[in-house]
Amino acid sequence: MEIKDAQKQVDAWIKKYGVRYFDEMTNLAVLMEEVGELARIFSRKFGEQSFKSDESDEALADEMADVLFVLLCLANQTNVNLEDALRENILKKTNRDKDRHHSNNKLL
């Protein structure tokens, strides 16, 4: 699925099932909440914390999808074409960092 199609699909879902978008500040708070849930799984799967008896890493993909869903909502609400924005961001990073990481001894 292309990003523009994902933005359209999320918009259609919101209009059909969600009644309307939450306001931007609410969605920003929801995004932070979802990132926190993702971080909790990462800290247990890849960090030093252990899973509680009722937890597992099975929700990793679902939590990532939750983050993406809310990010797509925010992009729709603020008229950001994420496909164009990502393309421009990768170009910016390439121009800025094309030699930077290869010369970083910490990464070699």
C-alpha atoms as a PDB file:
ATOM      1  CA  MET A   1       0.000   0.000   0.000  1.00  0.00           C
ATOM      2  CA  GLU A   2       1.338   3.439  -0.854  1.00  0.00           C
ATOM      3  CA  ILE A   3       1.323   6.082   1.857  1.00  0.00           C
ATOM      4  CA  LYS A   4      -1.207   8.232  -0.012  1.00  0.00           C
ATOM      5  CA  ASP A   5      -3.533   5.223  -0.161  1.00  0.00           C
ATOM      6  CA  ALA A   6      -3.057   4.619   3.558  1.00  0.00           C
ATOM      7  CA  GLN A   7      -3.995   8.251   4.253  1.00  0.00           C
ATOM      8  CA  LYS A   8      -7.145   7.834   2.133  1.00  0.00           C
ATOM      9  CA  GLN A   9      -8.056   4.560   3.811  1.00  0.00           C
ATOM     10  CA  VAL A  10      -7.673   6.047   7.294  1.00  0.00           C
ATOM     11  CA  ASP A  11      -9.760   9.055   6.268  1.00  0.00           C
ATOM     12  CA  ALA A  12     -12.507   6.788   4.938  1.00  0.00           C
ATOM     13  CA  TRP A  13     -12.428   4.736   8.147  1.00  0.00           C
ATOM     14  CA  ILE A  14     -12.704   7.832  10.327  1.00  0.00           C
ATOM     15  CA  LYS A  15     -15.646   9.140   8.308  1.00  0.00           C
ATOM     16  CA  LYS A  16     -17.461   5.787   8.377  1.00  0.00           C
ATOM     17  CA  TYR A  17     -16.724   4.492  11.885  1.00  0.00           C
ATOM     18  CA  GLY A  18     -15.109   7.271  13.858  1.00  0.00           C
ATOM     19  CA  VAL A  19     -17.789   9.937  13.251  1.00  0.00           C
ATOM     20  CA  ARG A  20     -15.053  12.593  12.992  1.00  0.00           C
ATOM     21  CA  TYR A  21     -11.393  13.108  13.775  1.00  0.00           C
ATOM     22  CA  PHE A  22     -10.452  13.896  17.352  1.00  0.00           C
ATOM     23  CA  ASP A  23      -8.997  17.402  17.468  1.00  0.00           C
ATOM     24  CA  GLU A  24      -5.302  17.695  16.676  1.00  0.00           C
ATOM     25  CA  MET A  25      -4.171  18.082  20.293  1.00  0.00           C
ATOM     26  CA  THR A  26      -6.153  15.004  21.348  1.00  0.00           C
ATOM     27  CA  ASN A  27      -4.651  13.017  18.492  1.00  0.00           C
ATOM     28  CA  LEU A  28      -1.179  14.212  19.437  1.00  0.00           C
ATOM     29  CA  ALA A  29      -1.811  12.932  22.975  1.00  0.00           C
ATOM     30  CA  VAL A  30      -3.129   9.641  21.558  1.00  0.00           C
ATOM     31  CA  LEU A  31       0.017   9.370  19.409  1.00  0.00           C
ATOM     32  CA  MET A  32       2.202   9.803  22.496  1.00  0.00           C
ATOM     33  CA  GLU A  33       0.140   7.171  24.303  1.00  0.00           C
ATOM     34  CA  GLU A  34       0.577   4.716  21.426  1.00  0.00           C
ATOM     35  CA  VAL A  35       4.330   5.418  21.244  1.00  0.00           C
ATOM     36  CA  GLY A  36       4.491   4.720  24.970  1.00  0.00           C
ATOM     37  CA  GLU A  37       2.785   1.360  24.483  1.00  0.00           C
ATOM     38  CA  LEU A  38       5.275   0.542  21.737  1.00  0.00           C
ATOM     39  CA  ALA A  39       8.159   1.614  23.981  1.00  0.00           C
ATOM     40  CA  ARG A  40       6.896  -0.673  26.743  1.00  0.00           C
ATOM     41  CA  ILE A  41       7.118  -3.673  24.412  1.00  0.00           C
ATOM     42  CA  PHE A  42      10.575  -2.642  23.178  1.00  0.00           C
ATOM     43  CA  SER A  43      11.872  -2.238  26.725  1.00  0.00           C
ATOM     44  CA  ARG A  44      10.769  -5.773  27.507  1.00  0.00           C
ATOM     45  CA  LYS A  45      11.737  -7.467  24.234  1.00  0.00           C
ATOM     46  CA  PHE A  46      15.020  -5.671  23.512  1.00  0.00           C
ATOM     47  CA  GLY A  47      15.801  -3.927  26.787  1.00  0.00           C
ATOM     48  CA  GLU A  48      16.409  -5.134  30.301  1.00  0.00           C
ATOM     49  CA  GLN A  49      12.837  -5.302  31.533  1.00  0.00           C
ATOM     50  CA  SER A  50      10.981  -8.601  31.584  1.00  0.00           C
ATOM     51  CA  PHE A  51       7.451  -9.248  30.430  1.00  0.00           C
ATOM     52  CA  LYS A  52       4.753  -9.487  33.057  1.00  0.00           C
ATOM     53  CA  SER A  53       2.875 -12.781  33.187  1.00  0.00           C
ATOM     54  CA  ASP A  54       0.024 -11.404  31.049  1.00  0.00           C
ATOM     55  CA  GLU A  55       2.275  -9.679  28.449  1.00  0.00           C
ATOM     56  CA  SER A  56       4.114 -10.815  25.341  1.00  0.00           C
ATOM     57  CA  ASP A  57       5.814  -9.336  22.309  1.00  0.00           C
ATOM     58  CA  GLU A  58       2.996 -10.511  20.044  1.00  0.00           C
ATOM     59  CA  ALA A  59       1.498  -7.012  19.977  1.00  0.00           C
ATOM     60  CA  LEU A  60       4.637  -5.395  18.526  1.00  0.00           C
ATOM     61  CA  ALA A  61       3.307  -5.095  14.962  1.00  0.00           C
ATOM     62  CA  ASP A  62      -0.120  -4.004  16.197  1.00  0.00           C
ATOM     63  CA  GLU A  63       1.380  -1.248  18.361  1.00  0.00           C
ATOM     64  CA  MET A  64       3.467  -0.033  15.409  1.00  0.00           C
ATOM     65  CA  ALA A  65       0.303   0.021  13.311  1.00  0.00           C
ATOM     66  CA  ASP A  66      -1.493   2.014  16.030  1.00  0.00           C
ATOM     67  CA  VAL A  67       1.292   4.626  15.910  1.00  0.00           C
ATOM     68  CA  LEU A  68       1.081   4.778  12.121  1.00  0.00           C
ATOM     69  CA  PHE A  69      -2.721   5.066  12.166  1.00  0.00           C
ATOM     70  CA  VAL A  70      -2.691   8.074  14.473  1.00  0.00           C
ATOM     71  CA  LEU A  71       0.181   9.674  12.541  1.00  0.00           C
ATOM     72  CA  LEU A  72      -1.867   9.279   9.354  1.00  0.00           C
ATOM     73  CA  CYS A  73      -4.824  10.906  11.127  1.00  0.00           C
ATOM     74  CA  LEU A  74      -2.676  13.884  12.099  1.00  0.00           C
ATOM     75  CA  ALA A  75      -1.321  14.172   8.563  1.00  0.00           C
ATOM     76  CA  ASN A  76      -4.853  14.171   7.163  1.00  0.00           C
ATOM     77  CA  GLN A  77      -5.997  16.761   9.671  1.00  0.00           C
ATOM     78  CA  THR A  78      -3.118  19.117   8.919  1.00  0.00           C
ATOM     79  CA  ASN A  79      -3.151  18.592   5.145  1.00  0.00           C
ATOM     80  CA  VAL A  80       0.288  16.972   5.094  1.00  0.00           C
ATOM     81  CA  ASN A  81       0.986  14.617   2.212  1.00  0.00           C
ATOM     82  CA  LEU A  82       3.185  12.133   4.059  1.00  0.00           C
ATOM     83  CA  GLU A  83       4.388  10.525   0.851  1.00  0.00           C
ATOM     84  CA  ASP A  84       5.814  13.836  -0.369  1.00  0.00           C
ATOM     85  CA  ALA A  85       7.055  14.735   3.105  1.00  0.00           C
ATOM     86  CA  LEU A  86       8.918  11.438   3.486  1.00  0.00           C
ATOM     87  CA  ARG A  87      10.461  11.755   0.030  1.00  0.00           C
ATOM     88  CA  GLU A  88      11.682  15.274   0.850  1.00  0.00           C
ATOM     89  CA  ASN A  89      12.902  14.170   4.277  1.00  0.00           C
ATOM     90  CA  ILE A  90      14.969  11.326   2.834  1.00  0.00           C
ATOM     91  CA  LEU A  91      16.512  13.741   0.321  1.00  0.00           C
ATOM     92  CA  LYS A  92      17.329  16.189   3.125  1.00  0.00           C
ATOM     93  CA  LYS A  93      18.936  13.449   5.213  1.00  0.00           C
ATOM     94  CA  THR A  94      20.872  12.148   2.220  1.00  0.00           C
ATOM     95  CA  ASN A  95      22.284  15.582   1.404  1.00  0.00           C
ATOM     96  CA  ARG A  96      23.117  16.318   5.024  1.00  0.00           C
ATOM     97  CA  ASP A  97      24.386  12.917   6.144  1.00  0.00           C
ATOM     98  CA  LYS A  98      25.750  11.179   3.024  1.00  0.00           C
ATOM     99  CA  ASP A  99      29.282  11.060   4.479  1.00  0.00           C
ATOM    100  CA  ARG A 100      28.599  11.682   8.150  1.00  0.00           C
ATOM    101  CA  HIS A 101      27.756   8.162   9.297  1.00  0.00           C
ATOM    102  CA  HIS A 102      30.439   6.430   7.203  1.00  0.00           C
ATOM    103  CA  SER A 103      33.063   8.533   8.959  1.00  0.00           C
ATOM    104  CA  ASN A 104      31.688   7.862  12.448  1.00  0.00           C
ATOM    105  CA  ASN A 105      34.073   5.441  14.159  1.00  0.00           C
ATOM    106  CA  LYS A 106      31.385   4.591  16.689  1.00  0.00           C
ATOM    107  CA  LEU A 107      29.392   2.905  13.930  1.00  0.00           C
ATOM    108  CA  LEU A 108      32.242   1.007  12.316  1.00  0.00           C
END
